[in-house]
Amino acid sequence: GKKVFKIDASIPAKDGIFDDTLLGAFEQYFQSNTKLHGRKGKLSDKVKINYDDNVLTVSTTMRYRKKYFKYLTKKFLKKKDIRDWLHVIATSPTTYELRYFNITNDEDDQEA
């Protein structure tokens, strides 16, 4: 059957952390790094990746684990050096959301 996974980036997009170029890069990252039959970037019509309204949607007829898309999202955040501020939270059986860590100290103090 067809499965649809969603990654909601509206919280960081609203604050401008995810600007349009980063959102484009996020979609591009998924296009080129999602594996199909063990090969990156060769997604046929079996896997469709769309981005609209700050939500990345992966619709597929193949069997993927939801955790795989969490893994890809975390890898992308690490690559862009924003892994320290955002984490990936499951909000429903097929949806993840990017949220901020609850940091209590001041923003001037940015030692990680």
PDB file of N, CA and C in Angstrom:
ATOM      1  N   GLY A   1       0.816  -1.201   0.000  1.00  0.00           N
ATOM      2  CA  GLY A   1       0.000   0.000   0.000  1.00  0.00           C
ATOM      3  C   GLY A   1       0.852   1.254   0.000  1.00  0.00           C
ATOM      4  N   LYS A   2       0.204   2.365  -0.190  1.00  0.00           N
ATOM      5  CA  LYS A   2       0.919   3.634  -0.249  1.00  0.00           C
ATOM      6  C   LYS A   2       1.070   4.225   1.148  1.00  0.00           C
ATOM      7  N   LYS A   3       2.255   4.685   1.448  1.00  0.00           N
ATOM      8  CA  LYS A   3       2.500   5.307   2.743  1.00  0.00           C
ATOM      9  C   LYS A   3       2.934   6.746   2.527  1.00  0.00           C
ATOM     10  N   VAL A   4       2.533   7.607   3.446  1.00  0.00           N
ATOM     11  CA  VAL A   4       2.929   9.010   3.369  1.00  0.00           C
ATOM     12  C   VAL A   4       3.552   9.401   4.698  1.00  0.00           C
ATOM     13  N   PHE A   5       4.798   9.864   4.634  1.00  0.00           N
ATOM     14  CA  PHE A   5       5.490  10.347   5.828  1.00  0.00           C
ATOM     15  C   PHE A   5       5.623  11.850   5.710  1.00  0.00           C
ATOM     16  N   LYS A   6       5.483  12.538   6.837  1.00  0.00           N
ATOM     17  CA  LYS A   6       5.598  13.998   6.806  1.00  0.00           C
ATOM     18  C   LYS A   6       6.611  14.478   7.824  1.00  0.00           C
ATOM     19  N   ILE A   7       7.369  15.491   7.440  1.00  0.00           N
ATOM     20  CA  ILE A   7       8.279  16.154   8.366  1.00  0.00           C
ATOM     21  C   ILE A   7       7.919  17.626   8.364  1.00  0.00           C
ATOM     22  N   ASP A   8       7.418  18.076   9.481  1.00  0.00           N
ATOM     23  CA  ASP A   8       6.890  19.429   9.613  1.00  0.00           C
ATOM     24  C   ASP A   8       7.988  20.361  10.114  1.00  0.00           C
ATOM     25  N   ALA A   9       8.375  21.309   9.275  1.00  0.00           N
ATOM     26  CA  ALA A   9       9.433  22.241   9.654  1.00  0.00           C
ATOM     27  C   ALA A   9       8.871  23.642   9.858  1.00  0.00           C
ATOM     28  N   SER A  10       7.588  23.743  10.195  1.00  0.00           N
ATOM     29  CA  SER A  10       6.979  25.076  10.250  1.00  0.00           C
ATOM     30  C   SER A  10       7.465  25.914  11.430  1.00  0.00           C
ATOM     31  N   ILE A  11       7.852  25.277  12.549  1.00  0.00           N
ATOM     32  CA  ILE A  11       8.319  26.068  13.700  1.00  0.00           C
ATOM     33  C   ILE A  11       9.643  26.790  13.365  1.00  0.00           C
ATOM     34  N   PRO A  12      10.683  26.064  12.898  1.00  0.00           N
ATOM     35  CA  PRO A  12      11.913  26.796  12.530  1.00  0.00           C
ATOM     36  C   PRO A  12      11.737  27.703  11.309  1.00  0.00           C
ATOM     37  N   ALA A  13      10.801  27.368  10.414  1.00  0.00           N
ATOM     38  CA  ALA A  13      10.589  28.204   9.229  1.00  0.00           C
ATOM     39  C   ALA A  13       9.956  29.528   9.635  1.00  0.00           C
ATOM     40  N   LYS A  14       9.075  29.477  10.612  1.00  0.00           N
ATOM     41  CA  LYS A  14       8.398  30.677  11.092  1.00  0.00           C
ATOM     42  C   LYS A  14       9.399  31.647  11.721  1.00  0.00           C
ATOM     43  N   ASP A  15      10.407  31.092  12.400  1.00  0.00           N
ATOM     44  CA  ASP A  15      11.411  31.931  13.053  1.00  0.00           C
ATOM     45  C   ASP A  15      12.547  32.336  12.131  1.00  0.00           C
ATOM     46  N   GLY A  16      12.520  31.859  10.900  1.00  0.00           N
ATOM     47  CA  GLY A  16      13.554  32.247   9.951  1.00  0.00           C
ATOM     48  C   GLY A  16      14.821  31.429  10.036  1.00  0.00           C
ATOM     49  N   ILE A  17      14.861  30.400  10.891  1.00  0.00           N
ATOM     50  CA  ILE A  17      16.043  29.529  10.931  1.00  0.00           C
ATOM     51  C   ILE A  17      16.079  28.728   9.636  1.00  0.00           C
ATOM     52  N   PHE A  18      14.933  28.200   9.236  1.00  0.00           N
ATOM     53  CA  PHE A  18      14.805  27.522   7.951  1.00  0.00           C
ATOM     54  C   PHE A  18      14.316  28.571   6.961  1.00  0.00           C
ATOM     55  N   ASP A  19      15.220  29.189   6.221  1.00  0.00           N
ATOM     56  CA  ASP A  19      14.775  30.124   5.191  1.00  0.00           C
ATOM     57  C   ASP A  19      14.537  29.347   3.896  1.00  0.00           C
ATOM     58  N   ASP A  20      14.177  30.056   2.850  1.00  0.00           N
ATOM     59  CA  ASP A  20      13.815  29.373   1.606  1.00  0.00           C
ATOM     60  C   ASP A  20      14.955  28.541   1.027  1.00  0.00           C
ATOM     61  N   THR A  21      16.191  29.050   1.140  1.00  0.00           N
ATOM     62  CA  THR A  21      17.310  28.291   0.577  1.00  0.00           C
ATOM     63  C   THR A  21      17.541  27.017   1.376  1.00  0.00           C
ATOM     64  N   LEU A  22      17.392  27.115   2.699  1.00  0.00           N
ATOM     65  CA  LEU A  22      17.598  25.937   3.539  1.00  0.00           C
ATOM     66  C   LEU A  22      16.480  24.919   3.313  1.00  0.00           C
ATOM     67  N   LEU A  23      15.262  25.421   3.110  1.00  0.00           N
ATOM     68  CA  LEU A  23      14.141  24.521   2.844  1.00  0.00           C
ATOM     69  C   LEU A  23      14.350  23.801   1.516  1.00  0.00           C
ATOM     70  N   GLY A  24      14.836  24.537   0.534  1.00  0.00           N
ATOM     71  CA  GLY A  24      15.146  23.923  -0.758  1.00  0.00           C
ATOM     72  C   GLY A  24      16.235  22.877  -0.609  1.00  0.00           C
ATOM     73  N   ALA A  25      17.236  23.207   0.207  1.00  0.00           N
ATOM     74  CA  ALA A  25      18.339  22.276   0.437  1.00  0.00           C
ATOM     75  C   ALA A  25      17.857  21.024   1.165  1.00  0.00           C
ATOM     76  N   PHE A  26      16.891  21.226   2.061  1.00  0.00           N
ATOM     77  CA  PHE A  26      16.311  20.112   2.823  1.00  0.00           C
ATOM     78  C   PHE A  26      15.628  19.124   1.864  1.00  0.00           C
ATOM     79  N   GLU A  27      14.832  19.667   0.953  1.00  0.00           N
ATOM     80  CA  GLU A  27      14.153  18.817  -0.025  1.00  0.00           C
ATOM     81  C   GLU A  27      15.175  18.124  -0.926  1.00  0.00           C
ATOM     82  N   GLN A  28      16.171  18.895  -1.368  1.00  0.00           N
ATOM     83  CA  GLN A  28      17.210  18.358  -2.245  1.00  0.00           C
ATOM     84  C   GLN A  28      17.992  17.247  -1.545  1.00  0.00           C
ATOM     85  N   TYR A  29      18.252  17.452  -0.253  1.00  0.00           N
ATOM     86  CA  TYR A  29      18.978  16.460   0.544  1.00  0.00           C
ATOM     87  C   TYR A  29      18.208  15.136   0.570  1.00  0.00           C
ATOM     88  N   PHE A  30      16.896  15.235   0.775  1.00  0.00           N
ATOM     89  CA  PHE A  30      16.074  14.025   0.790  1.00  0.00           C
ATOM     90  C   PHE A  30      16.050  13.378  -0.586  1.00  0.00           C
ATOM     91  N   GLN A  31      15.962  14.208  -1.645  1.00  0.00           N
ATOM     92  CA  GLN A  31      15.951  13.664  -3.005  1.00  0.00           C
ATOM     93  C   GLN A  31      17.230  12.868  -3.271  1.00  0.00           C
ATOM     94  N   SER A  32      18.377  13.404  -2.835  1.00  0.00           N
ATOM     95  CA  SER A  32      19.627  12.760  -3.207  1.00  0.00           C
ATOM     96  C   SER A  32      20.120  11.739  -2.193  1.00  0.00           C
ATOM     97  N   ASN A  33      19.579  11.728  -0.963  1.00  0.00           N
ATOM     98  CA  ASN A  33      20.093  10.798   0.032  1.00  0.00           C
ATOM     99  C   ASN A  33      19.145   9.670   0.434  1.00  0.00           C
ATOM    100  N   THR A  34      17.892   9.744   0.019  1.00  0.00           N
ATOM    101  CA  THR A  34      16.985   8.637   0.318  1.00  0.00           C
ATOM    102  C   THR A  34      17.379   7.448  -0.555  1.00  0.00           C
ATOM    103  N   LYS A  35      17.527   6.309   0.083  1.00  0.00           N
ATOM    104  CA  LYS A  35      17.964   5.134  -0.678  1.00  0.00           C
ATOM    105  C   LYS A  35      16.767   4.327  -1.170  1.00  0.00           C
ATOM    106  N   LEU A  36      16.879   3.865  -2.380  1.00  0.00           N
ATOM    107  CA  LEU A  36      15.898   2.940  -2.937  1.00  0.00           C
ATOM    108  C   LEU A  36      16.683   1.751  -3.467  1.00  0.00           C
ATOM    109  N   HIS A  37      16.397   0.572  -2.974  1.00  0.00           N
ATOM    110  CA  HIS A  37      17.145  -0.638  -3.323  1.00  0.00           C
ATOM    111  C   HIS A  37      18.646  -0.461  -3.079  1.00  0.00           C
ATOM    112  N   GLY A  38      18.970   0.209  -1.979  1.00  0.00           N
ATOM    113  CA  GLY A  38      20.371   0.377  -1.600  1.00  0.00           C
ATOM    114  C   GLY A  38      21.135   1.416  -2.396  1.00  0.00           C
ATOM    115  N   ARG A  39      20.464   2.184  -3.245  1.00  0.00           N
ATOM    116  CA  ARG A  39      21.171   3.187  -4.050  1.00  0.00           C
ATOM    117  C   ARG A  39      20.603   4.568  -3.765  1.00  0.00           C
ATOM    118  N   LYS A  40      21.502   5.496  -3.479  1.00  0.00           N
ATOM    119  CA  LYS A  40      21.075   6.866  -3.179  1.00  0.00           C
ATOM    120  C   LYS A  40      20.687   7.613  -4.442  1.00  0.00           C
ATOM    121  N   GLY A  41      19.679   8.471  -4.293  1.00  0.00           N
ATOM    122  CA  GLY A  41      19.367   9.414  -5.348  1.00  0.00           C
ATOM    123  C   GLY A  41      18.651   8.864  -6.559  1.00  0.00           C
ATOM    124  N   LYS A  42      18.508   7.552  -6.667  1.00  0.00           N
ATOM    125  CA  LYS A  42      17.831   6.998  -7.833  1.00  0.00           C
ATOM    126  C   LYS A  42      16.391   6.654  -7.470  1.00  0.00           C
ATOM    127  N   LEU A  43      15.612   7.696  -7.153  1.00  0.00           N
ATOM    128  CA  LEU A  43      14.230   7.467  -6.753  1.00  0.00           C
ATOM    129  C   LEU A  43      13.362   7.436  -8.002  1.00  0.00           C
ATOM    130  N   SER A  44      12.717   6.304  -8.217  1.00  0.00           N
ATOM    131  CA  SER A  44      11.823   6.231  -9.376  1.00  0.00           C
ATOM    132  C   SER A  44      10.471   6.795  -8.975  1.00  0.00           C
ATOM    133  N   ASP A  45       9.445   6.420  -9.684  1.00  0.00           N
ATOM    134  CA  ASP A  45       8.105   6.897  -9.331  1.00  0.00           C
ATOM    135  C   ASP A  45       7.582   6.219  -8.067  1.00  0.00           C
ATOM    136  N   LYS A  46       8.372   5.306  -7.492  1.00  0.00           N
ATOM    137  CA  LYS A  46       7.950   4.635  -6.261  1.00  0.00           C
ATOM    138  C   LYS A  46       8.076   5.532  -5.035  1.00  0.00           C
ATOM    139  N   VAL A  47       8.948   6.535  -5.125  1.00  0.00           N
ATOM    140  CA  VAL A  47       9.150   7.455  -3.994  1.00  0.00           C
ATOM    141  C   VAL A  47       9.019   8.879  -4.504  1.00  0.00           C
ATOM    142  N   LYS A  48       8.081   9.618  -3.945  1.00  0.00           N
ATOM    143  CA  LYS A  48       7.906  11.022  -4.347  1.00  0.00           C
ATOM    144  C   LYS A  48       8.148  11.906  -3.132  1.00  0.00           C
ATOM    145  N   ILE A  49       8.975  12.928  -3.330  1.00  0.00           N
ATOM    146  CA  ILE A  49       9.287  13.846  -2.244  1.00  0.00           C
ATOM    147  C   ILE A  49       8.810  15.236  -2.655  1.00  0.00           C
ATOM    148  N   ASN A  50       7.884  15.781  -1.891  1.00  0.00           N
ATOM    149  CA  ASN A  50       7.341  17.109  -2.181  1.00  0.00           C
ATOM    150  C   ASN A  50       7.537  18.012  -0.985  1.00  0.00           C
ATOM    151  N   TYR A  51       7.576  19.298  -1.266  1.00  0.00           N
ATOM    152  CA  TYR A  51       7.720  20.251  -0.181  1.00  0.00           C
ATOM    153  C   TYR A  51       6.718  21.358  -0.400  1.00  0.00           C
ATOM    154  N   ASP A  52       5.750  21.483   0.502  1.00  0.00           N
ATOM    155  CA  ASP A  52       4.904  22.650   0.414  1.00  0.00           C
ATOM    156  C   ASP A  52       4.394  23.025   1.799  1.00  0.00           C
ATOM    157  N   ASP A  53       4.236  24.312   2.011  1.00  0.00           N
ATOM    158  CA  ASP A  53       3.715  24.829   3.266  1.00  0.00           C
ATOM    159  C   ASP A  53       4.563  24.382   4.460  1.00  0.00           C
ATOM    160  N   ASN A  54       5.889  24.411   4.289  1.00  0.00           N
ATOM    161  CA  ASN A  54       6.847  24.045   5.335  1.00  0.00           C
ATOM    162  C   ASN A  54       6.738  22.601   5.813  1.00  0.00           C
ATOM    163  N   VAL A  55       6.143  21.748   5.012  1.00  0.00           N
ATOM    164  CA  VAL A  55       6.059  20.329   5.354  1.00  0.00           C
ATOM    165  C   VAL A  55       6.661  19.510   4.208  1.00  0.00           C
ATOM    166  N   LEU A  56       7.647  18.691   4.547  1.00  0.00           N
ATOM    167  CA  LEU A  56       8.250  17.796   3.565  1.00  0.00           C
ATOM    168  C   LEU A  56       7.442  16.503   3.581  1.00  0.00           C
ATOM    169  N   THR A  57       6.943  16.108   2.429  1.00  0.00           N
ATOM    170  CA  THR A  57       6.105  14.919   2.341  1.00  0.00           C
ATOM    171  C   THR A  57       6.806  13.864   1.496  1.00  0.00           C
ATOM    172  N   VAL A  58       6.927  12.669   2.044  1.00  0.00           N
ATOM    173  CA  VAL A  58       7.502  11.554   1.303  1.00  0.00           C
ATOM    174  C   VAL A  58       6.383  10.548   1.092  1.00  0.00           C
ATOM    175  N   SER A  59       5.935  10.381  -0.151  1.00  0.00           N
ATOM    176  CA  SER A  59       4.907   9.369  -0.414  1.00  0.00           C
ATOM    177  C   SER A  59       5.550   8.236  -1.191  1.00  0.00           C
ATOM    178  N   THR A  60       5.305   7.032  -0.719  1.00  0.00           N
ATOM    179  CA  THR A  60       6.004   5.897  -1.297  1.00  0.00           C
ATOM    180  C   THR A  60       5.136   4.643  -1.282  1.00  0.00           C
ATOM    181  N   THR A  61       5.422   3.759  -2.228  1.00  0.00           N
ATOM    182  CA  THR A  61       4.765   2.459  -2.216  1.00  0.00           C
ATOM    183  C   THR A  61       5.738   1.410  -1.677  1.00  0.00           C
ATOM    184  N   MET A  62       6.985   1.819  -1.447  1.00  0.00           N
ATOM    185  CA  MET A  62       8.001   0.908  -0.924  1.00  0.00           C
ATOM    186  C   MET A  62       7.896   0.847   0.593  1.00  0.00           C
ATOM    187  N   ARG A  63       8.568  -0.136   1.175  1.00  0.00           N
ATOM    188  CA  ARG A  63       8.544  -0.247   2.626  1.00  0.00           C
ATOM    189  C   ARG A  63       9.701   0.531   3.218  1.00  0.00           C
ATOM    190  N   TYR A  64       9.361   1.567   3.935  1.00  0.00           N
ATOM    191  CA  TYR A  64      10.367   2.342   4.646  1.00  0.00           C
ATOM    192  C   TYR A  64       9.963   2.400   6.099  1.00  0.00           C
ATOM    193  N   ARG A  65      10.944   2.493   6.965  1.00  0.00           N
ATOM    194  CA  ARG A  65      10.634   2.743   8.361  1.00  0.00           C
ATOM    195  C   ARG A  65      10.583   4.242   8.558  1.00  0.00           C
ATOM    196  N   LYS A  66       9.680   4.662   9.420  1.00  0.00           N
ATOM    197  CA  LYS A  66       9.566   6.087   9.715  1.00  0.00           C
ATOM    198  C   LYS A  66      10.884   6.599  10.298  1.00  0.00           C
ATOM    199  N   LYS A  67      11.533   5.748  11.076  1.00  0.00           N
ATOM    200  CA  LYS A  67      12.775   6.135  11.735  1.00  0.00           C
ATOM    201  C   LYS A  67      13.868   6.499  10.720  1.00  0.00           C
ATOM    202  N   TYR A  68      13.804   5.918   9.527  1.00  0.00           N
ATOM    203  CA  TYR A  68      14.786   6.223   8.491  1.00  0.00           C
ATOM    204  C   TYR A  68      14.733   7.695   8.112  1.00  0.00           C
ATOM    205  N   PHE A  69      13.509   8.261   8.057  1.00  0.00           N
ATOM    206  CA  PHE A  69      13.371   9.668   7.691  1.00  0.00           C
ATOM    207  C   PHE A  69      13.774  10.579   8.848  1.00  0.00           C
ATOM    208  N   LYS A  70      13.616  10.073  10.081  1.00  0.00           N
ATOM    209  CA  LYS A  70      14.109  10.819  11.242  1.00  0.00           C
ATOM    210  C   LYS A  70      15.637  10.876  11.170  1.00  0.00           C
ATOM    211  N   TYR A  71      16.239   9.742  10.831  1.00  0.00           N
ATOM    212  CA  TYR A  71      17.685   9.648  10.699  1.00  0.00           C
ATOM    213  C   TYR A  71      18.201  10.617   9.636  1.00  0.00           C
ATOM    214  N   LEU A  72      17.543  10.652   8.482  1.00  0.00           N
ATOM    215  CA  LEU A  72      17.953  11.570   7.414  1.00  0.00           C
ATOM    216  C   LEU A  72      17.810  13.028   7.846  1.00  0.00           C
ATOM    217  N   THR A  73      16.716  13.329   8.562  1.00  0.00           N
ATOM    218  CA  THR A  73      16.491  14.698   9.024  1.00  0.00           C
ATOM    219  C   THR A  73      17.586  15.115   9.997  1.00  0.00           C
ATOM    220  N   LYS A  74      17.935  14.225  10.928  1.00  0.00           N
ATOM    221  CA  LYS A  74      18.975  14.531  11.911  1.00  0.00           C
ATOM    222  C   LYS A  74      20.325  14.731  11.220  1.00  0.00           C
ATOM    223  N   LYS A  75      20.587  13.920  10.189  1.00  0.00           N
ATOM    224  CA  LYS A  75      21.829  14.062   9.440  1.00  0.00           C
ATOM    225  C   LYS A  75      21.901  15.411   8.731  1.00  0.00           C
ATOM    226  N   PHE A  76      20.763  15.833   8.182  1.00  0.00           N
ATOM    227  CA  PHE A  76      20.700  17.122   7.507  1.00  0.00           C
ATOM    228  C   PHE A  76      20.942  18.268   8.502  1.00  0.00           C
ATOM    229  N   LEU A  77      20.297  18.188   9.666  1.00  0.00           N
ATOM    230  CA  LEU A  77      20.465  19.228  10.685  1.00  0.00           C
ATOM    231  C   LEU A  77      21.921  19.313  11.134  1.00  0.00           C
ATOM    232  N   LYS A  78      22.562  18.166  11.275  1.00  0.00           N
ATOM    233  CA  LYS A  78      23.960  18.127  11.686  1.00  0.00           C
ATOM    234  C   LYS A  78      24.840  18.765  10.621  1.00  0.00           C
ATOM    235  N   LYS A  79      24.557  18.456   9.371  1.00  0.00           N
ATOM    236  CA  LYS A  79      25.332  18.978   8.259  1.00  0.00           C
ATOM    237  C   LYS A  79      25.254  20.500   8.200  1.00  0.00           C
ATOM    238  N   LYS A  80      24.072  21.047   8.547  1.00  0.00           N
ATOM    239  CA  LYS A  80      23.878  22.494   8.506  1.00  0.00           C
ATOM    240  C   LYS A  80      24.179  23.169   9.843  1.00  0.00           C
ATOM    241  N   ASP A  81      24.737  22.407  10.793  1.00  0.00           N
ATOM    242  CA  ASP A  81      25.096  22.928  12.120  1.00  0.00           C
ATOM    243  C   ASP A  81      23.937  23.524  12.893  1.00  0.00           C
ATOM    244  N   ILE A  82      22.752  22.957  12.737  1.00  0.00           N
ATOM    245  CA  ILE A  82      21.631  23.425  13.565  1.00  0.00           C
ATOM    246  C   ILE A  82      21.068  22.287  14.400  1.00  0.00           C
ATOM    247  N   ARG A  83      21.826  21.206  14.480  1.00  0.00           N
ATOM    248  CA  ARG A  83      21.405  20.055  15.276  1.00  0.00           C
ATOM    249  C   ARG A  83      21.356  20.390  16.765  1.00  0.00           C
ATOM    250  N   ASP A  84      22.130  21.387  17.185  1.00  0.00           N
ATOM    251  CA  ASP A  84      22.163  21.756  18.607  1.00  0.00           C
ATOM    252  C   ASP A  84      20.895  22.471  19.050  1.00  0.00           C
ATOM    253  N   TRP A  85      20.151  23.027  18.104  1.00  0.00           N
ATOM    254  CA  TRP A  85      18.966  23.809  18.481  1.00  0.00           C
ATOM    255  C   TRP A  85      17.660  23.064  18.224  1.00  0.00           C
ATOM    256  N   LEU A  86      17.667  22.182  17.231  1.00  0.00           N
ATOM    257  CA  LEU A  86      16.421  21.540  16.825  1.00  0.00           C
ATOM    258  C   LEU A  86      16.483  20.040  17.070  1.00  0.00           C
ATOM    259  N   HIS A  87      15.352  19.465  17.425  1.00  0.00           N
ATOM    260  CA  HIS A  87      15.281  18.015  17.452  1.00  0.00           C
ATOM    261  C   HIS A  87      13.993  17.554  16.797  1.00  0.00           C
ATOM    262  N   VAL A  88      13.950  16.258  16.490  1.00  0.00           N
ATOM    263  CA  VAL A  88      12.875  15.705  15.683  1.00  0.00           C
ATOM    264  C   VAL A  88      11.935  14.940  16.607  1.00  0.00           C
ATOM    265  N   ILE A  89      10.686  15.378  16.656  1.00  0.00           N
ATOM    266  CA  ILE A  89       9.701  14.798  17.572  1.00  0.00           C
ATOM    267  C   ILE A  89       8.598  14.129  16.753  1.00  0.00           C
ATOM    268  N   ALA A  90       8.198  12.938  17.160  1.00  0.00           N
ATOM    269  CA  ALA A  90       7.080  12.275  16.494  1.00  0.00           C
ATOM    270  C   ALA A  90       5.778  12.864  17.028  1.00  0.00           C
ATOM    271  N   THR A  91       4.922  13.353  16.134  1.00  0.00           N
ATOM    272  CA  THR A  91       3.642  13.915  16.566  1.00  0.00           C
ATOM    273  C   THR A  91       2.475  12.995  16.230  1.00  0.00           C
ATOM    274  N   SER A  92       2.671  12.082  15.298  1.00  0.00           N
ATOM    275  CA  SER A  92       1.642  11.096  14.964  1.00  0.00           C
ATOM    276  C   SER A  92       2.371   9.894  14.359  1.00  0.00           C
ATOM    277  N   PRO A  93       1.666   8.802  14.110  1.00  0.00           N
ATOM    278  CA  PRO A  93       2.349   7.618  13.565  1.00  0.00           C
ATOM    279  C   PRO A  93       3.081   7.839  12.241  1.00  0.00           C
ATOM    280  N   THR A  94       2.736   8.878  11.491  1.00  0.00           N
ATOM    281  CA  THR A  94       3.448   9.094  10.228  1.00  0.00           C
ATOM    282  C   THR A  94       4.072  10.486  10.140  1.00  0.00           C
ATOM    283  N   THR A  95       4.054  11.254  11.213  1.00  0.00           N
ATOM    284  CA  THR A  95       4.522  12.646  11.146  1.00  0.00           C
ATOM    285  C   THR A  95       5.595  12.938  12.177  1.00  0.00           C
ATOM    286  N   TYR A  96       6.612  13.663  11.725  1.00  0.00           N
ATOM    287  CA  TYR A  96       7.628  14.201  12.621  1.00  0.00           C
ATOM    288  C   TYR A  96       7.523  15.711  12.593  1.00  0.00           C
ATOM    289  N   GLU A  97       7.990  16.337  13.662  1.00  0.00           N
ATOM    290  CA  GLU A  97       7.999  17.789  13.709  1.00  0.00           C
ATOM    291  C   GLU A  97       9.356  18.241  14.229  1.00  0.00           C
ATOM    292  N   LEU A  98       9.878  19.318  13.635  1.00  0.00           N
ATOM    293  CA  LEU A  98      11.132  19.881  14.129  1.00  0.00           C
ATOM    294  C   LEU A  98      10.803  20.886  15.217  1.00  0.00           C
ATOM    295  N   ARG A  99      11.367  20.682  16.394  1.00  0.00           N
ATOM    296  CA  ARG A  99      11.103  21.593  17.504  1.00  0.00           C
ATOM    297  C   ARG A  99      12.411  22.018  18.133  1.00  0.00           C
ATOM    298  N   TYR A 100      12.335  23.117  18.881  1.00  0.00           N
ATOM    299  CA  TYR A 100      13.510  23.587  19.602  1.00  0.00           C
ATOM    300  C   TYR A 100      13.686  22.800  20.879  1.00  0.00           C
ATOM    301  N   PHE A 101      14.944  22.645  21.288  1.00  0.00           N
ATOM    302  CA  PHE A 101      15.197  22.130  22.623  1.00  0.00           C
ATOM    303  C   PHE A 101      14.768  23.206  23.602  1.00  0.00           C
ATOM    304  N   ASN A 102      14.280  22.823  24.758  1.00  0.00           N
ATOM    305  CA  ASN A 102      13.947  23.815  25.776  1.00  0.00           C
ATOM    306  C   ASN A 102      15.224  24.197  26.501  1.00  0.00           C
ATOM    307  N   ILE A 103      15.816  25.282  26.065  1.00  0.00           N
ATOM    308  CA  ILE A 103      17.080  25.728  26.652  1.00  0.00           C
ATOM    309  C   ILE A 103      16.766  26.860  27.612  1.00  0.00           C
ATOM    310  N   THR A 104      17.253  26.729  28.837  1.00  0.00           N
ATOM    311  CA  THR A 104      16.898  27.729  29.850  1.00  0.00           C
ATOM    312  C   THR A 104      17.900  28.868  29.924  1.00  0.00           C
ATOM    313  N   ASN A 105      19.155  28.617  29.525  1.00  0.00           N
ATOM    314  CA  ASN A 105      20.139  29.709  29.644  1.00  0.00           C
ATOM    315  C   ASN A 105      20.015  30.726  28.524  1.00  0.00           C
ATOM    316  N   ASP A 106      20.742  31.847  28.660  1.00  0.00           N
ATOM    317  CA  ASP A 106      20.641  32.956  27.716  1.00  0.00           C
ATOM    318  C   ASP A 106      21.193  32.597  26.345  1.00  0.00           C
ATOM    319  N   GLU A 107      20.788  33.385  25.347  1.00  0.00           N
ATOM    320  CA  GLU A 107      21.252  33.110  23.985  1.00  0.00           C
ATOM    321  C   GLU A 107      22.685  33.568  23.752  1.00  0.00           C
ATOM    322  N   ASP A 108      23.191  34.513  24.562  1.00  0.00           N
ATOM    323  CA  ASP A 108      24.558  35.003  24.363  1.00  0.00           C
ATOM    324  C   ASP A 108      25.552  33.868  24.635  1.00  0.00           C
ATOM    325  N   ASP A 109      25.138  32.945  25.487  1.00  0.00           N
ATOM    326  CA  ASP A 109      25.996  31.894  25.994  1.00  0.00           C
ATOM    327  C   ASP A 109      25.885  30.700  25.063  1.00  0.00           C
ATOM    328  N   GLN A 110      26.622  30.719  23.942  1.00  0.00           N
ATOM    329  CA  GLN A 110      26.394  29.685  22.929  1.00  0.00           C
ATOM    330  C   GLN A 110      27.465  28.615  22.891  1.00  0.00           C
ATOM    331  N   GLU A 111      28.055  28.285  24.016  1.00  0.00           N
ATOM    332  CA  GLU A 111      29.005  27.181  23.996  1.00  0.00           C
ATOM    333  C   GLU A 111      28.252  25.860  24.067  1.00  0.00           C
ATOM    334  N   ALA A 112      28.610  24.963  23.156  1.00  0.00           N
ATOM    335  CA  ALA A 112      27.907  23.669  23.149  1.00  0.00           C
ATOM    336  C   ALA A 112      28.834  22.597  23.707  1.00  0.00           C
TER     337      ALA A 112
END
